[in-house]
């Protein structure tokens, strides 16, 4: 009740305070930074090894297994590692503890990957290392398979039909199709970040 009496005795003070609150509110709204994708440190890094023509069994034997072992032994704060090996490619995902400094973790993954490349088969190129961010997390993975089409025909269909249909979508980054033979059918997979 005392505030009402104060407002009735000093009306100009309350009008000035209301105008000041309104002006400061407008200024703070205009200066507040907004971002569609805020900076979120997702503690996951992908290491992608490519070696054309190497079947999955040998790819796993010569590249994937040794890379997983080296990453688990030489990188700090690793929570878990999972991998997928296909014809000519190995994708290794390294999951870190939630409190890790992701920039340091990426630097360690890069240095270990560059160090072990000498032990890899002759002609192995350095891996592609991707850090997951809110804007680069894959949202779609599409697989095509056929018993009638060859692997190259499936690849052409994926790259020339499906990629061109998805390319106009705003913000889409398209990866190249990859795949091989599995259980009497040919397949390819397209991953869209």
Protein backbone atom coordinates (compact mmCIF):
# COMPACT_ATOMS: atom_id res chain seq x y z
CA UNK A 1 0.00 0.00 0.00
CA UNK A 2 2.95 2.30 0.66
CA UNK A 3 4.11 2.06 -2.96
CA UNK A 4 0.74 3.31 -4.20
CA UNK A 5 0.94 6.35 -1.90
CA UNK A 6 4.51 7.01 -3.10
CA UNK A 7 3.39 6.80 -6.75
CA UNK A 8 0.52 9.21 -6.11
CA UNK A 9 2.82 11.69 -4.35
CA UNK A 10 5.59 11.52 -7.03
CA UNK A 11 3.97 10.63 -10.38
CA UNK A 12 6.81 12.06 -12.51
CA UNK A 13 9.36 9.78 -10.85
CA UNK A 14 7.39 6.67 -11.80
CA UNK A 15 6.76 7.91 -15.36
CA UNK A 16 10.50 8.58 -15.83
CA UNK A 17 11.34 5.14 -14.35
CA UNK A 18 8.88 3.43 -16.74
CA UNK A 19 10.32 5.29 -19.77
CA UNK A 20 13.86 4.41 -18.64
CA UNK A 21 12.94 0.72 -18.32
CA UNK A 22 11.37 0.80 -21.81
CA UNK A 23 14.42 2.45 -23.41
CA UNK A 24 16.92 0.15 -21.67
CA UNK A 25 14.83 -2.85 -22.71
CA UNK A 26 14.91 -1.80 -26.37
CA UNK A 27 18.67 -1.16 -26.25
CA UNK A 28 19.36 -4.52 -24.60
CA UNK A 29 17.20 -6.40 -27.13
CA UNK A 30 19.04 -4.79 -30.04
CA UNK A 31 22.47 -5.56 -28.56
CA UNK A 32 21.73 -9.13 -27.52
CA UNK A 33 23.62 -11.47 -29.84
CA UNK A 34 21.51 -14.06 -31.59
CA UNK A 35 22.77 -17.09 -33.43
CA UNK A 36 20.86 -19.74 -35.31
CA UNK A 37 23.44 -22.36 -34.34
CA UNK A 38 24.99 -21.45 -30.99
CA UNK A 39 28.50 -22.61 -30.23
CA UNK A 40 27.92 -26.03 -28.68
CA UNK A 41 30.95 -28.20 -28.09
CA UNK A 42 29.83 -31.70 -29.03
CA UNK A 43 32.57 -34.01 -27.74
CA UNK A 44 32.75 -36.21 -30.87
CA UNK A 45 35.42 -36.28 -33.58
CA UNK A 46 35.35 -38.41 -36.74
CA UNK A 47 38.51 -39.74 -38.36
CA UNK A 48 37.91 -40.86 -41.96
CA UNK A 49 40.59 -42.97 -43.64
CA UNK A 50 40.43 -43.59 -47.42
CA UNK A 51 42.33 -46.22 -49.38
CA UNK A 52 40.75 -47.01 -52.73
CA UNK A 53 40.41 -50.63 -53.71
CA UNK A 54 41.07 -52.13 -50.28
CA UNK A 55 38.32 -54.57 -49.23
CA UNK A 56 36.71 -54.06 -45.81
CA UNK A 57 38.46 -57.01 -44.16
CA UNK A 58 41.92 -55.75 -45.10
CA UNK A 59 40.94 -52.13 -44.42
CA UNK A 60 39.98 -53.17 -40.91
CA UNK A 61 43.11 -55.25 -40.45
CA UNK A 62 45.67 -52.72 -41.69
CA UNK A 63 44.11 -49.34 -40.95
CA UNK A 64 41.05 -49.33 -38.67
CA UNK A 65 42.30 -51.54 -35.84
CA UNK A 66 45.70 -49.85 -35.56
CA UNK A 67 44.16 -46.39 -35.75
CA UNK A 68 41.65 -47.23 -32.98
CA UNK A 69 44.43 -48.62 -30.79
CA UNK A 70 46.63 -45.55 -31.33
CA UNK A 71 43.79 -43.12 -30.65
CA UNK A 72 42.78 -44.89 -27.44
CA UNK A 73 46.38 -44.95 -26.21
CA UNK A 74 47.50 -41.48 -27.28
CA UNK A 75 44.51 -39.16 -26.84
CA UNK A 76 43.30 -37.92 -23.44
CA UNK A 77 39.73 -38.10 -22.11
CA UNK A 78 38.44 -40.69 -24.61
CA UNK A 79 35.13 -42.15 -23.45
CA UNK A 80 34.57 -44.62 -26.30
CA UNK A 81 35.53 -45.34 -29.90
CA UNK A 82 33.38 -46.89 -32.61
CA UNK A 83 34.17 -47.55 -36.23
CA UNK A 84 32.58 -48.59 -39.49
CA UNK A 85 34.70 -50.06 -42.27
CA UNK A 86 33.47 -50.26 -45.85
CA UNK A 87 35.13 -50.86 -49.18
CA UNK A 88 38.01 -48.37 -49.35
CA UNK A 89 37.02 -46.29 -46.30
CA UNK A 90 37.04 -46.43 -42.53
CA UNK A 91 35.03 -44.03 -40.36
CA UNK A 92 36.17 -43.91 -36.74
CA UNK A 93 34.14 -41.89 -34.24
CA UNK A 94 35.93 -40.86 -31.07
CA UNK A 95 33.61 -39.91 -28.19
CA UNK A 96 35.17 -37.78 -25.45
CA UNK A 97 34.27 -37.06 -21.83
CA UNK A 98 31.81 -34.14 -21.47
CA UNK A 99 34.35 -31.84 -19.78
CA UNK A 100 37.04 -32.15 -22.50
CA UNK A 101 38.48 -29.10 -24.25
CA UNK A 102 37.50 -30.10 -27.76
CA UNK A 103 40.15 -28.00 -29.53
CA UNK A 104 42.92 -29.79 -27.61
CA UNK A 105 41.31 -33.15 -28.30
CA UNK A 106 41.18 -32.45 -32.04
CA UNK A 107 44.85 -31.41 -31.97
CA UNK A 108 45.77 -34.69 -30.27
CA UNK A 109 43.74 -36.72 -32.80
CA UNK A 110 45.47 -34.92 -35.68
CA UNK A 111 48.94 -35.47 -34.23
CA UNK A 112 48.34 -39.18 -33.56
CA UNK A 113 46.88 -39.67 -37.04
CA UNK A 114 49.89 -37.98 -38.66
CA UNK A 115 52.27 -40.05 -36.55
CA UNK A 116 50.82 -43.47 -37.42
CA UNK A 117 50.56 -42.83 -41.16
CA UNK A 118 54.08 -44.27 -41.62
CA UNK A 119 52.88 -47.65 -40.37
CA UNK A 120 49.90 -47.71 -42.73
CA UNK A 121 50.04 -49.41 -46.15
CA UNK A 122 52.11 -47.62 -48.79
CA UNK A 123 50.09 -44.84 -50.45
CA UNK A 124 47.78 -44.14 -47.53
CA UNK A 125 46.82 -40.48 -47.41
CA UNK A 126 46.27 -38.56 -44.16
CA UNK A 127 42.75 -38.94 -42.78
CA UNK A 128 39.97 -36.40 -42.93
CA UNK A 129 39.23 -35.29 -39.36
CA UNK A 130 35.82 -33.77 -38.67
CA UNK A 131 34.76 -32.05 -35.48
CA UNK A 132 31.04 -32.23 -34.82
CA UNK A 133 29.26 -28.92 -34.34
CA UNK A 134 25.60 -28.03 -34.12
CA UNK A 135 25.64 -27.08 -37.81
CA UNK A 136 27.55 -30.13 -39.06
CA UNK A 137 25.85 -33.07 -37.36
CA UNK A 138 24.46 -35.42 -40.02
CA UNK A 139 20.68 -35.36 -40.19
CA UNK A 140 20.07 -37.86 -42.97
CA UNK A 141 21.70 -41.04 -44.15
CA UNK A 142 20.27 -42.70 -47.20
CA UNK A 143 21.12 -46.17 -48.49
CA UNK A 144 20.43 -47.56 -51.93
CA UNK A 145 20.68 -51.22 -52.84
CA UNK A 146 19.96 -53.33 -55.88
CA UNK A 147 20.35 -56.87 -57.10
CA UNK A 148 20.18 -55.80 -60.77
CA UNK A 149 22.24 -52.59 -60.96
CA UNK A 150 26.02 -52.67 -60.79
CA UNK A 151 27.93 -50.79 -58.13
CA UNK A 152 28.92 -48.07 -60.61
CA UNK A 153 25.30 -47.67 -61.77
CA UNK A 154 24.17 -47.28 -58.15
CA UNK A 155 26.93 -44.75 -57.57
CA UNK A 156 25.86 -42.78 -60.66
CA UNK A 157 22.23 -42.87 -59.56
CA UNK A 158 23.17 -41.60 -56.10
CA UNK A 159 25.46 -38.84 -57.30
CA UNK A 160 23.51 -37.65 -60.35
CA UNK A 161 19.90 -38.16 -59.30
CA UNK A 162 19.69 -38.04 -55.51
CA UNK A 163 22.43 -35.46 -54.84
CA UNK A 164 21.11 -33.13 -57.53
CA UNK A 165 17.61 -33.39 -56.07
CA UNK A 166 18.83 -32.51 -52.57
CA UNK A 167 21.43 -29.89 -53.59
CA UNK A 168 18.97 -26.95 -53.91
CA UNK A 169 17.96 -27.31 -50.25
CA UNK A 170 19.32 -24.30 -48.43
CA UNK A 171 22.20 -25.11 -46.07
CA UNK A 172 22.70 -28.68 -47.36
CA UNK A 173 26.27 -29.96 -47.59
CA UNK A 174 26.47 -33.17 -49.54
CA UNK A 175 28.97 -35.96 -49.12
CA UNK A 176 30.01 -38.37 -51.83
CA UNK A 177 28.29 -41.78 -51.96
CA UNK A 178 30.27 -44.75 -50.74
CA UNK A 179 29.58 -48.47 -50.50
CA UNK A 180 30.33 -51.92 -51.83
CA UNK A 181 29.03 -55.47 -52.19
CA UNK A 182 27.19 -57.05 -49.29
CA UNK A 183 25.30 -60.36 -49.27
CA UNK A 184 24.71 -60.61 -53.04
CA UNK A 185 23.45 -57.02 -53.35
CA UNK A 186 25.30 -53.85 -54.17
CA UNK A 187 24.71 -50.83 -51.98
CA UNK A 188 25.78 -47.26 -51.51
CA UNK A 189 25.18 -44.82 -48.71
CA UNK A 190 24.84 -41.05 -48.84
CA UNK A 191 25.31 -39.06 -45.67
CA UNK A 192 24.03 -35.51 -45.52
CA UNK A 193 25.32 -33.16 -42.83
